[in-house]
């Protein structure tokens, strides 16, 4: 999960308002550093950050943009500028209003099929992939699948991920 920080009265984290349906269903508290990272990223890229996480010295951004190629830049030039300015590793995901499409955007390897099921008010996303790609999908120490779980829970209130 997110790093813990000590706050005094002037550095309290910003609490995000309870979202409307289809928007961020899980309230998130951002630290001042998180807010600085988000605003810096938005100013440089001229995009809207929908969600953000800071895990293991890597900044994860979920952005809403029509032109993802411009965000990255020619040969990654824009991303290199952001990395240099923020002095941290970045991973950027494209936001989608559709849970299956959003999951597809976050996967490090292609999936055969992605499906969403709901049983007893618990949502589960199932990812079907080649057996050889499962390790890459999960990531070392589960870091890839954990960040996907975090964003799916926040954006679509999805409880479980099954990899087949």
N, C-alpha and C. Protein backbone atom coordinates (compact mmCIF):
# COMPACT_ATOMS: atom_id res chain seq x y z
N UNK A 1 0.84 -1.19 0.00
CA UNK A 1 0.00 0.00 0.00
C UNK A 1 0.89 1.25 0.00
N UNK A 2 0.26 2.40 0.17
CA UNK A 2 1.00 3.65 0.12
C UNK A 2 1.90 3.80 1.34
N UNK A 3 2.96 4.57 1.17
CA UNK A 3 3.88 4.81 2.26
C UNK A 3 3.20 5.60 3.36
N UNK A 4 3.57 5.31 4.60
CA UNK A 4 3.01 6.04 5.72
C UNK A 4 3.83 7.30 5.94
N UNK A 5 3.16 8.34 6.39
CA UNK A 5 3.84 9.60 6.65
C UNK A 5 3.29 10.21 7.92
N UNK A 6 4.09 11.03 8.56
CA UNK A 6 3.66 11.73 9.76
C UNK A 6 3.21 13.12 9.33
N UNK A 7 2.05 13.53 9.83
CA UNK A 7 1.49 14.80 9.43
C UNK A 7 1.31 15.70 10.64
N UNK A 8 1.54 16.98 10.41
CA UNK A 8 1.14 17.95 11.41
C UNK A 8 -0.06 18.69 10.84
N UNK A 9 -0.56 19.68 11.54
CA UNK A 9 -1.80 20.32 11.11
C UNK A 9 -1.67 21.01 9.75
N UNK A 10 -0.47 21.42 9.37
CA UNK A 10 -0.32 22.11 8.09
C UNK A 10 -0.07 21.15 6.92
N UNK A 11 0.21 19.88 7.20
CA UNK A 11 0.50 18.94 6.11
C UNK A 11 -0.48 17.78 6.08
N UNK A 12 -1.72 18.01 6.51
CA UNK A 12 -2.72 16.96 6.46
C UNK A 12 -2.99 16.56 5.02
N UNK A 13 -3.21 15.28 4.78
CA UNK A 13 -3.51 14.86 3.41
C UNK A 13 -4.88 15.35 2.97
N UNK A 14 -5.01 15.54 1.69
CA UNK A 14 -6.26 15.98 1.11
C UNK A 14 -7.17 14.77 0.98
N UNK A 15 -8.38 14.85 1.49
CA UNK A 15 -9.33 13.75 1.36
C UNK A 15 -10.19 14.02 0.13
N UNK A 16 -10.24 13.02 -0.72
CA UNK A 16 -11.02 13.14 -1.95
C UNK A 16 -12.50 12.95 -1.62
N UNK A 17 -13.34 13.80 -2.22
CA UNK A 17 -14.79 13.70 -1.95
C UNK A 17 -15.33 12.37 -2.45
N UNK A 18 -16.44 11.94 -1.89
CA UNK A 18 -17.07 10.69 -2.32
C UNK A 18 -17.54 10.86 -3.77
N UNK A 19 -17.10 9.99 -4.66
CA UNK A 19 -17.39 10.17 -6.08
C UNK A 19 -18.80 9.77 -6.47
N UNK A 20 -19.18 10.21 -7.65
CA UNK A 20 -20.45 9.79 -8.22
C UNK A 20 -20.25 8.43 -8.87
N UNK A 21 -21.32 7.69 -9.14
CA UNK A 21 -21.16 6.37 -9.77
C UNK A 21 -20.37 6.46 -11.06
N UNK A 22 -19.48 5.47 -11.26
CA UNK A 22 -18.63 5.46 -12.44
C UNK A 22 -17.31 6.16 -12.22
N UNK A 23 -17.24 6.94 -11.16
CA UNK A 23 -15.99 7.59 -10.81
C UNK A 23 -15.40 6.86 -9.63
N UNK A 24 -14.24 7.26 -9.24
CA UNK A 24 -13.44 6.68 -8.18
C UNK A 24 -14.29 6.25 -6.97
N UNK A 25 -14.71 4.96 -6.83
CA UNK A 25 -15.61 4.56 -5.75
C UNK A 25 -14.92 4.41 -4.40
N UNK A 26 -13.61 4.42 -4.36
CA UNK A 26 -12.89 4.24 -3.11
C UNK A 26 -12.20 5.54 -2.74
N UNK A 27 -12.57 6.20 -1.62
CA UNK A 27 -11.93 7.46 -1.26
C UNK A 27 -10.43 7.25 -0.99
N UNK A 28 -9.64 8.21 -1.41
CA UNK A 28 -8.19 8.11 -1.30
C UNK A 28 -7.68 9.35 -0.60
N UNK A 29 -6.70 9.17 0.26
CA UNK A 29 -6.03 10.30 0.90
C UNK A 29 -4.66 10.45 0.26
N UNK A 30 -4.39 11.66 -0.20
CA UNK A 30 -3.10 11.96 -0.79
C UNK A 30 -2.29 12.84 0.16
N UNK A 31 -1.00 12.60 0.23
CA UNK A 31 -0.11 13.45 1.02
C UNK A 31 0.22 14.69 0.20
N UNK A 32 0.88 15.66 0.82
CA UNK A 32 1.31 16.85 0.08
C UNK A 32 2.25 16.47 -1.06
N UNK A 33 3.15 15.52 -0.82
CA UNK A 33 4.07 15.07 -1.87
C UNK A 33 3.29 14.47 -3.04
N UNK A 34 2.25 13.71 -2.73
CA UNK A 34 1.42 13.12 -3.78
C UNK A 34 0.76 14.22 -4.62
N UNK A 35 0.22 15.21 -3.96
CA UNK A 35 -0.45 16.30 -4.66
C UNK A 35 0.53 17.08 -5.52
N UNK A 36 1.74 17.29 -5.02
CA UNK A 36 2.78 17.96 -5.80
C UNK A 36 3.12 17.13 -7.04
N UNK A 37 3.27 15.81 -6.85
CA UNK A 37 3.57 14.94 -7.99
C UNK A 37 2.46 14.97 -9.04
N UNK A 38 1.21 14.95 -8.59
CA UNK A 38 0.08 14.97 -9.52
C UNK A 38 0.04 16.29 -10.29
N UNK A 39 0.15 17.40 -9.60
CA UNK A 39 0.07 18.70 -10.28
C UNK A 39 1.27 18.92 -11.20
N UNK A 40 2.45 18.50 -10.78
CA UNK A 40 3.62 18.61 -11.66
C UNK A 40 3.41 17.80 -12.93
N UNK A 41 2.93 16.58 -12.77
CA UNK A 41 2.68 15.72 -13.92
C UNK A 41 1.64 16.34 -14.85
N UNK A 42 0.55 16.86 -14.28
CA UNK A 42 -0.51 17.47 -15.09
C UNK A 42 -0.01 18.71 -15.83
N UNK A 43 0.82 19.52 -15.18
CA UNK A 43 1.34 20.73 -15.83
C UNK A 43 2.26 20.37 -17.00
N UNK A 44 3.12 19.40 -16.80
CA UNK A 44 4.06 19.03 -17.86
C UNK A 44 3.34 18.37 -19.03
N UNK A 45 2.44 17.45 -18.74
CA UNK A 45 1.81 16.66 -19.81
C UNK A 45 0.52 17.28 -20.35
N UNK A 46 -0.04 18.25 -19.64
CA UNK A 46 -1.31 18.86 -20.02
C UNK A 46 -2.41 17.80 -20.16
N UNK A 47 -2.43 16.85 -19.22
CA UNK A 47 -3.47 15.81 -19.17
C UNK A 47 -4.14 15.86 -17.81
N UNK A 48 -5.22 15.12 -17.69
CA UNK A 48 -5.94 15.04 -16.43
C UNK A 48 -5.61 13.71 -15.75
N UNK A 49 -5.10 13.76 -14.52
CA UNK A 49 -4.80 12.55 -13.75
C UNK A 49 -6.08 12.11 -13.06
N UNK A 50 -6.51 10.89 -13.38
CA UNK A 50 -7.73 10.33 -12.81
C UNK A 50 -7.42 9.62 -11.49
N UNK A 51 -6.27 8.96 -11.44
CA UNK A 51 -5.86 8.24 -10.24
C UNK A 51 -4.34 8.20 -10.17
N UNK A 52 -3.83 7.93 -8.97
CA UNK A 52 -2.40 8.00 -8.74
C UNK A 52 -2.05 7.08 -7.58
N UNK A 53 -0.87 6.48 -7.66
CA UNK A 53 -0.34 5.70 -6.55
C UNK A 53 1.17 5.85 -6.53
N UNK A 54 1.73 5.80 -5.34
CA UNK A 54 3.18 5.88 -5.15
C UNK A 54 3.59 4.62 -4.41
N UNK A 55 4.12 3.66 -5.15
CA UNK A 55 4.48 2.36 -4.58
C UNK A 55 5.93 2.03 -4.90
N UNK A 56 6.71 1.68 -3.90
CA UNK A 56 8.08 1.20 -4.09
C UNK A 56 8.90 2.12 -4.99
N UNK A 57 8.90 3.39 -4.69
CA UNK A 57 9.67 4.39 -5.43
C UNK A 57 9.30 4.49 -6.91
N UNK A 58 8.09 4.10 -7.24
CA UNK A 58 7.56 4.25 -8.60
C UNK A 58 6.24 5.00 -8.50
N UNK A 59 6.08 5.98 -9.39
CA UNK A 59 4.83 6.74 -9.44
C UNK A 59 3.96 6.16 -10.54
N UNK A 60 2.73 5.82 -10.20
CA UNK A 60 1.77 5.26 -11.15
C UNK A 60 0.68 6.30 -11.38
N UNK A 61 0.46 6.64 -12.65
CA UNK A 61 -0.56 7.61 -13.00
C UNK A 61 -1.59 6.96 -13.92
N UNK A 62 -2.85 7.23 -13.66
CA UNK A 62 -3.93 6.86 -14.57
C UNK A 62 -4.42 8.17 -15.15
N UNK A 63 -4.29 8.31 -16.49
CA UNK A 63 -4.61 9.58 -17.12
C UNK A 63 -5.74 9.43 -18.11
N UNK A 64 -6.47 10.52 -18.26
CA UNK A 64 -7.54 10.59 -19.25
C UNK A 64 -7.02 11.48 -20.37
N UNK A 65 -6.76 10.86 -21.51
CA UNK A 65 -6.25 11.61 -22.65
C UNK A 65 -6.74 10.98 -23.94
N UNK A 66 -6.94 11.81 -24.95
CA UNK A 66 -7.35 11.31 -26.26
C UNK A 66 -6.15 10.90 -27.10
N UNK A 67 -5.01 11.53 -26.83
CA UNK A 67 -3.83 11.27 -27.64
C UNK A 67 -2.67 10.81 -26.76
N UNK A 68 -2.60 9.51 -26.55
CA UNK A 68 -1.58 8.93 -25.68
C UNK A 68 -0.18 9.07 -26.30
N UNK A 69 -0.10 9.10 -27.63
CA UNK A 69 1.19 9.24 -28.30
C UNK A 69 1.84 10.58 -27.97
N UNK A 70 1.05 11.65 -27.94
CA UNK A 70 1.60 12.97 -27.59
C UNK A 70 2.08 13.00 -26.14
N UNK A 71 1.39 12.27 -25.28
CA UNK A 71 1.80 12.20 -23.87
C UNK A 71 3.18 11.59 -23.74
N UNK A 72 3.44 10.54 -24.50
CA UNK A 72 4.73 9.86 -24.44
C UNK A 72 5.80 10.65 -25.19
N UNK A 73 5.44 11.23 -26.33
CA UNK A 73 6.38 12.01 -27.12
C UNK A 73 7.19 11.13 -28.05
N UNK A 74 7.87 11.77 -28.98
CA UNK A 74 8.68 11.04 -29.96
C UNK A 74 9.86 10.40 -29.24
N UNK A 75 9.98 9.08 -29.41
CA UNK A 75 11.03 8.29 -28.74
C UNK A 75 11.00 8.45 -27.22
N UNK A 76 9.83 8.72 -26.66
CA UNK A 76 9.69 8.85 -25.21
C UNK A 76 10.24 10.15 -24.65
N UNK A 77 10.36 11.18 -25.48
CA UNK A 77 10.98 12.44 -25.04
C UNK A 77 10.21 13.11 -23.91
N UNK A 78 8.88 13.11 -23.98
CA UNK A 78 8.08 13.75 -22.92
C UNK A 78 8.21 12.99 -21.61
N UNK A 79 8.18 11.67 -21.69
CA UNK A 79 8.31 10.86 -20.48
C UNK A 79 9.68 11.07 -19.85
N UNK A 80 10.73 11.16 -20.68
CA UNK A 80 12.08 11.40 -20.16
C UNK A 80 12.17 12.73 -19.42
N UNK A 81 11.47 13.76 -19.94
CA UNK A 81 11.43 15.06 -19.26
C UNK A 81 10.78 14.93 -17.88
N UNK A 82 9.68 14.21 -17.84
CA UNK A 82 8.95 14.05 -16.57
C UNK A 82 9.80 13.28 -15.57
N UNK A 83 10.43 12.20 -16.02
CA UNK A 83 11.28 11.40 -15.13
C UNK A 83 12.41 12.25 -14.58
N UNK A 84 13.02 13.06 -15.44
CA UNK A 84 14.14 13.92 -15.01
C UNK A 84 13.65 14.96 -13.99
N UNK A 85 12.48 15.55 -14.25
CA UNK A 85 11.94 16.58 -13.36
C UNK A 85 11.52 15.99 -12.00
N UNK A 86 10.87 14.80 -12.03
CA UNK A 86 10.35 14.21 -10.80
C UNK A 86 11.38 13.31 -10.11
N UNK A 87 12.41 12.91 -10.84
CA UNK A 87 13.48 12.08 -10.29
C UNK A 87 12.96 10.77 -9.70
N UNK A 88 11.96 10.17 -10.37
CA UNK A 88 11.41 8.88 -9.94
C UNK A 88 10.96 8.11 -11.16
N UNK A 89 10.84 6.80 -11.01
CA UNK A 89 10.32 5.97 -12.09
C UNK A 89 8.83 6.26 -12.27
N UNK A 90 8.36 6.18 -13.51
CA UNK A 90 6.96 6.44 -13.82
C UNK A 90 6.35 5.29 -14.58
N UNK A 91 5.11 4.99 -14.29
CA UNK A 91 4.32 4.10 -15.12
C UNK A 91 2.98 4.81 -15.33
N UNK A 92 2.58 4.91 -16.59
CA UNK A 92 1.38 5.66 -16.94
C UNK A 92 0.39 4.72 -17.62
N UNK A 93 -0.85 4.75 -17.15
CA UNK A 93 -1.91 3.94 -17.71
C UNK A 93 -2.98 4.85 -18.31
N UNK A 94 -3.60 4.40 -19.38
CA UNK A 94 -4.70 5.14 -19.99
C UNK A 94 -6.01 4.74 -19.32
N UNK A 95 -6.79 5.72 -18.93
CA UNK A 95 -8.07 5.47 -18.28
C UNK A 95 -9.13 5.09 -19.30
N UNK A 96 -10.08 4.29 -18.87
CA UNK A 96 -11.24 3.94 -19.68
C UNK A 96 -12.44 3.82 -18.75
N UNK A 97 -13.61 4.13 -19.25
CA UNK A 97 -14.84 4.01 -18.47
C UNK A 97 -15.29 2.55 -18.36
N UNK A 98 -14.73 1.69 -19.19
CA UNK A 98 -15.07 0.27 -19.24
C UNK A 98 -14.02 -0.51 -18.45
N UNK A 99 -14.45 -1.34 -17.50
CA UNK A 99 -13.52 -2.07 -16.63
C UNK A 99 -12.63 -3.03 -17.40
N UNK A 100 -13.17 -3.71 -18.39
CA UNK A 100 -12.37 -4.65 -19.18
C UNK A 100 -11.30 -3.91 -19.99
N UNK A 101 -11.68 -2.81 -20.61
CA UNK A 101 -10.74 -2.01 -21.39
C UNK A 101 -9.66 -1.40 -20.49
N UNK A 102 -10.07 -0.92 -19.33
CA UNK A 102 -9.13 -0.35 -18.37
C UNK A 102 -8.11 -1.40 -17.93
N UNK A 103 -8.59 -2.61 -17.66
CA UNK A 103 -7.70 -3.71 -17.27
C UNK A 103 -6.72 -4.01 -18.40
N UNK A 104 -7.23 -4.06 -19.62
CA UNK A 104 -6.38 -4.32 -20.78
C UNK A 104 -5.28 -3.27 -20.89
N UNK A 105 -5.61 -2.01 -20.63
CA UNK A 105 -4.64 -0.92 -20.70
C UNK A 105 -3.54 -1.06 -19.66
N UNK A 106 -3.81 -1.74 -18.57
CA UNK A 106 -2.84 -1.85 -17.48
C UNK A 106 -1.96 -3.09 -17.56
N UNK A 107 -2.32 -4.04 -18.40
CA UNK A 107 -1.59 -5.30 -18.44
C UNK A 107 -0.24 -5.15 -19.13
N UNK A 108 0.82 -5.78 -18.57
CA UNK A 108 2.14 -5.72 -19.20
C UNK A 108 2.27 -6.69 -20.38
N UNK A 109 1.35 -7.64 -20.51
CA UNK A 109 1.34 -8.60 -21.62
C UNK A 109 -0.06 -8.68 -22.19
N UNK A 110 -0.19 -9.10 -23.44
CA UNK A 110 -1.53 -9.22 -24.02
C UNK A 110 -2.33 -10.35 -23.36
N UNK A 111 -3.62 -10.15 -23.26
CA UNK A 111 -4.51 -11.16 -22.70
C UNK A 111 -5.38 -11.73 -23.81
N UNK A 112 -5.72 -13.02 -23.69
CA UNK A 112 -6.62 -13.63 -24.65
C UNK A 112 -8.03 -13.07 -24.48
N UNK A 113 -8.45 -12.98 -23.22
CA UNK A 113 -9.81 -12.53 -22.92
C UNK A 113 -9.83 -11.91 -21.53
N UNK A 114 -10.64 -10.87 -21.39
CA UNK A 114 -10.85 -10.23 -20.09
C UNK A 114 -12.35 -10.14 -19.90
N UNK A 115 -12.84 -10.64 -18.75
CA UNK A 115 -14.28 -10.60 -18.51
C UNK A 115 -14.56 -10.18 -17.06
N UNK A 116 -15.69 -9.54 -16.89
CA UNK A 116 -16.13 -9.06 -15.58
C UNK A 116 -17.38 -9.83 -15.17
N UNK A 117 -17.36 -10.38 -13.95
CA UNK A 117 -18.53 -11.08 -13.41
C UNK A 117 -18.88 -10.50 -12.05
N UNK A 118 -20.15 -10.62 -11.69
CA UNK A 118 -20.61 -10.12 -10.40
C UNK A 118 -21.44 -11.20 -9.73
N UNK A 119 -21.01 -11.61 -8.54
CA UNK A 119 -21.73 -12.60 -7.73
C UNK A 119 -21.89 -12.06 -6.32
N UNK A 120 -23.11 -12.03 -5.82
CA UNK A 120 -23.38 -11.55 -4.46
C UNK A 120 -22.74 -10.20 -4.20
N UNK A 121 -22.90 -9.28 -5.12
CA UNK A 121 -22.37 -7.93 -5.03
C UNK A 121 -20.85 -7.87 -4.95
N UNK A 122 -20.15 -8.94 -5.33
CA UNK A 122 -18.69 -8.94 -5.42
C UNK A 122 -18.32 -9.05 -6.88
N UNK A 123 -17.54 -8.08 -7.34
CA UNK A 123 -17.11 -8.07 -8.73
C UNK A 123 -15.76 -8.76 -8.86
N UNK A 124 -15.65 -9.56 -9.91
CA UNK A 124 -14.40 -10.27 -10.19
C UNK A 124 -14.04 -10.06 -11.66
N UNK A 125 -12.79 -9.73 -11.90
CA UNK A 125 -12.32 -9.62 -13.28
C UNK A 125 -11.46 -10.84 -13.55
N UNK A 126 -11.71 -11.51 -14.66
CA UNK A 126 -10.97 -12.71 -15.04
C UNK A 126 -10.11 -12.38 -16.25
N UNK A 127 -8.83 -12.69 -16.13
CA UNK A 127 -7.88 -12.44 -17.21
C UNK A 127 -7.38 -13.78 -17.72
N UNK A 128 -7.67 -14.05 -18.97
CA UNK A 128 -7.16 -15.28 -19.60
C UNK A 128 -5.94 -14.90 -20.41
N UNK A 129 -4.82 -15.59 -20.14
CA UNK A 129 -3.57 -15.30 -20.82
C UNK A 129 -2.80 -16.58 -21.07
N UNK A 130 -1.78 -16.49 -21.90
CA UNK A 130 -0.90 -17.63 -22.15
C UNK A 130 -0.21 -18.02 -20.86
N UNK A 131 0.04 -19.30 -20.69
CA UNK A 131 0.68 -19.79 -19.47
C UNK A 131 2.05 -19.14 -19.28
N UNK A 132 2.78 -18.92 -20.38
CA UNK A 132 4.12 -18.34 -20.28
C UNK A 132 4.11 -16.88 -19.87
N UNK A 133 2.96 -16.19 -19.98
CA UNK A 133 2.85 -14.78 -19.63
C UNK A 133 2.36 -14.53 -18.21
N UNK A 134 1.96 -15.57 -17.51
CA UNK A 134 1.39 -15.39 -16.16
C UNK A 134 2.38 -14.75 -15.19
N UNK A 135 3.64 -15.19 -15.23
CA UNK A 135 4.65 -14.62 -14.33
C UNK A 135 4.86 -13.15 -14.58
N UNK A 136 4.92 -12.75 -15.83
CA UNK A 136 5.09 -11.34 -16.17
C UNK A 136 3.87 -10.53 -15.76
N UNK A 137 2.70 -11.12 -15.93
CA UNK A 137 1.47 -10.44 -15.54
C UNK A 137 1.43 -10.18 -14.03
N UNK A 138 1.85 -11.16 -13.25
CA UNK A 138 1.86 -11.03 -11.79
C UNK A 138 2.99 -10.10 -11.34
N UNK A 139 4.17 -10.26 -11.93
CA UNK A 139 5.31 -9.41 -11.58
C UNK A 139 6.06 -9.94 -10.37
N UNK A 140 7.30 -9.50 -10.25
CA UNK A 140 8.14 -9.92 -9.13
C UNK A 140 7.51 -9.47 -7.81
N UNK A 141 7.32 -10.42 -6.93
CA UNK A 141 6.70 -10.12 -5.64
C UNK A 141 5.24 -9.69 -5.77
N UNK A 142 4.63 -9.92 -6.93
CA UNK A 142 3.22 -9.56 -7.13
C UNK A 142 3.00 -8.09 -7.37
N UNK A 143 4.07 -7.32 -7.69
CA UNK A 143 3.91 -5.86 -7.78
C UNK A 143 2.98 -5.44 -8.92
N UNK A 144 3.05 -6.12 -10.07
CA UNK A 144 2.16 -5.74 -11.19
C UNK A 144 0.70 -5.99 -10.86
N UNK A 145 0.41 -7.17 -10.36
CA UNK A 145 -0.98 -7.50 -10.07
C UNK A 145 -1.52 -6.68 -8.90
N UNK A 146 -0.66 -6.34 -7.94
CA UNK A 146 -1.10 -5.53 -6.79
C UNK A 146 -1.51 -4.13 -7.22
N UNK A 147 -0.74 -3.50 -8.11
CA UNK A 147 -1.10 -2.15 -8.54
C UNK A 147 -2.36 -2.19 -9.39
N UNK A 148 -2.52 -3.26 -10.18
CA UNK A 148 -3.75 -3.41 -10.96
C UNK A 148 -4.94 -3.56 -10.02
N UNK A 149 -4.78 -4.35 -8.95
CA UNK A 149 -5.86 -4.51 -7.96
C UNK A 149 -6.22 -3.19 -7.31
N UNK A 150 -5.22 -2.40 -6.96
CA UNK A 150 -5.46 -1.11 -6.31
C UNK A 150 -6.31 -0.22 -7.21
N UNK A 151 -5.90 -0.08 -8.47
CA UNK A 151 -6.63 0.81 -9.37
C UNK A 151 -8.01 0.27 -9.73
N UNK A 152 -8.15 -1.04 -9.91
CA UNK A 152 -9.47 -1.60 -10.21
C UNK A 152 -10.43 -1.43 -9.03
N UNK A 153 -9.92 -1.56 -7.81
CA UNK A 153 -10.75 -1.36 -6.62
C UNK A 153 -11.19 0.10 -6.53
N UNK A 154 -10.27 1.03 -6.76
CA UNK A 154 -10.60 2.45 -6.67
C UNK A 154 -11.54 2.90 -7.78
N UNK A 155 -11.31 2.45 -9.00
CA UNK A 155 -12.06 2.95 -10.14
C UNK A 155 -13.40 2.24 -10.35
N UNK A 156 -13.43 0.91 -10.11
CA UNK A 156 -14.63 0.15 -10.45
C UNK A 156 -15.15 -0.71 -9.31
N UNK A 157 -14.55 -0.60 -8.14
CA UNK A 157 -14.95 -1.37 -6.97
C UNK A 157 -14.91 -2.88 -7.25
N UNK A 158 -13.86 -3.32 -7.94
CA UNK A 158 -13.68 -4.74 -8.25
C UNK A 158 -12.90 -5.38 -7.12
N UNK A 159 -13.45 -6.47 -6.58
CA UNK A 159 -12.88 -7.11 -5.40
C UNK A 159 -11.78 -8.11 -5.70
N UNK A 160 -11.91 -8.87 -6.77
CA UNK A 160 -10.97 -9.96 -7.05
C UNK A 160 -10.49 -9.93 -8.48
N UNK A 161 -9.28 -10.48 -8.67
CA UNK A 161 -8.74 -10.70 -10.01
C UNK A 161 -8.37 -12.17 -10.10
N UNK A 162 -8.87 -12.83 -11.15
CA UNK A 162 -8.52 -14.23 -11.40
C UNK A 162 -7.69 -14.27 -12.67
N UNK A 163 -6.58 -15.03 -12.61
CA UNK A 163 -5.74 -15.20 -13.78
C UNK A 163 -5.84 -16.65 -14.20
N UNK A 164 -6.24 -16.87 -15.43
CA UNK A 164 -6.40 -18.25 -15.93
C UNK A 164 -5.49 -18.45 -17.12
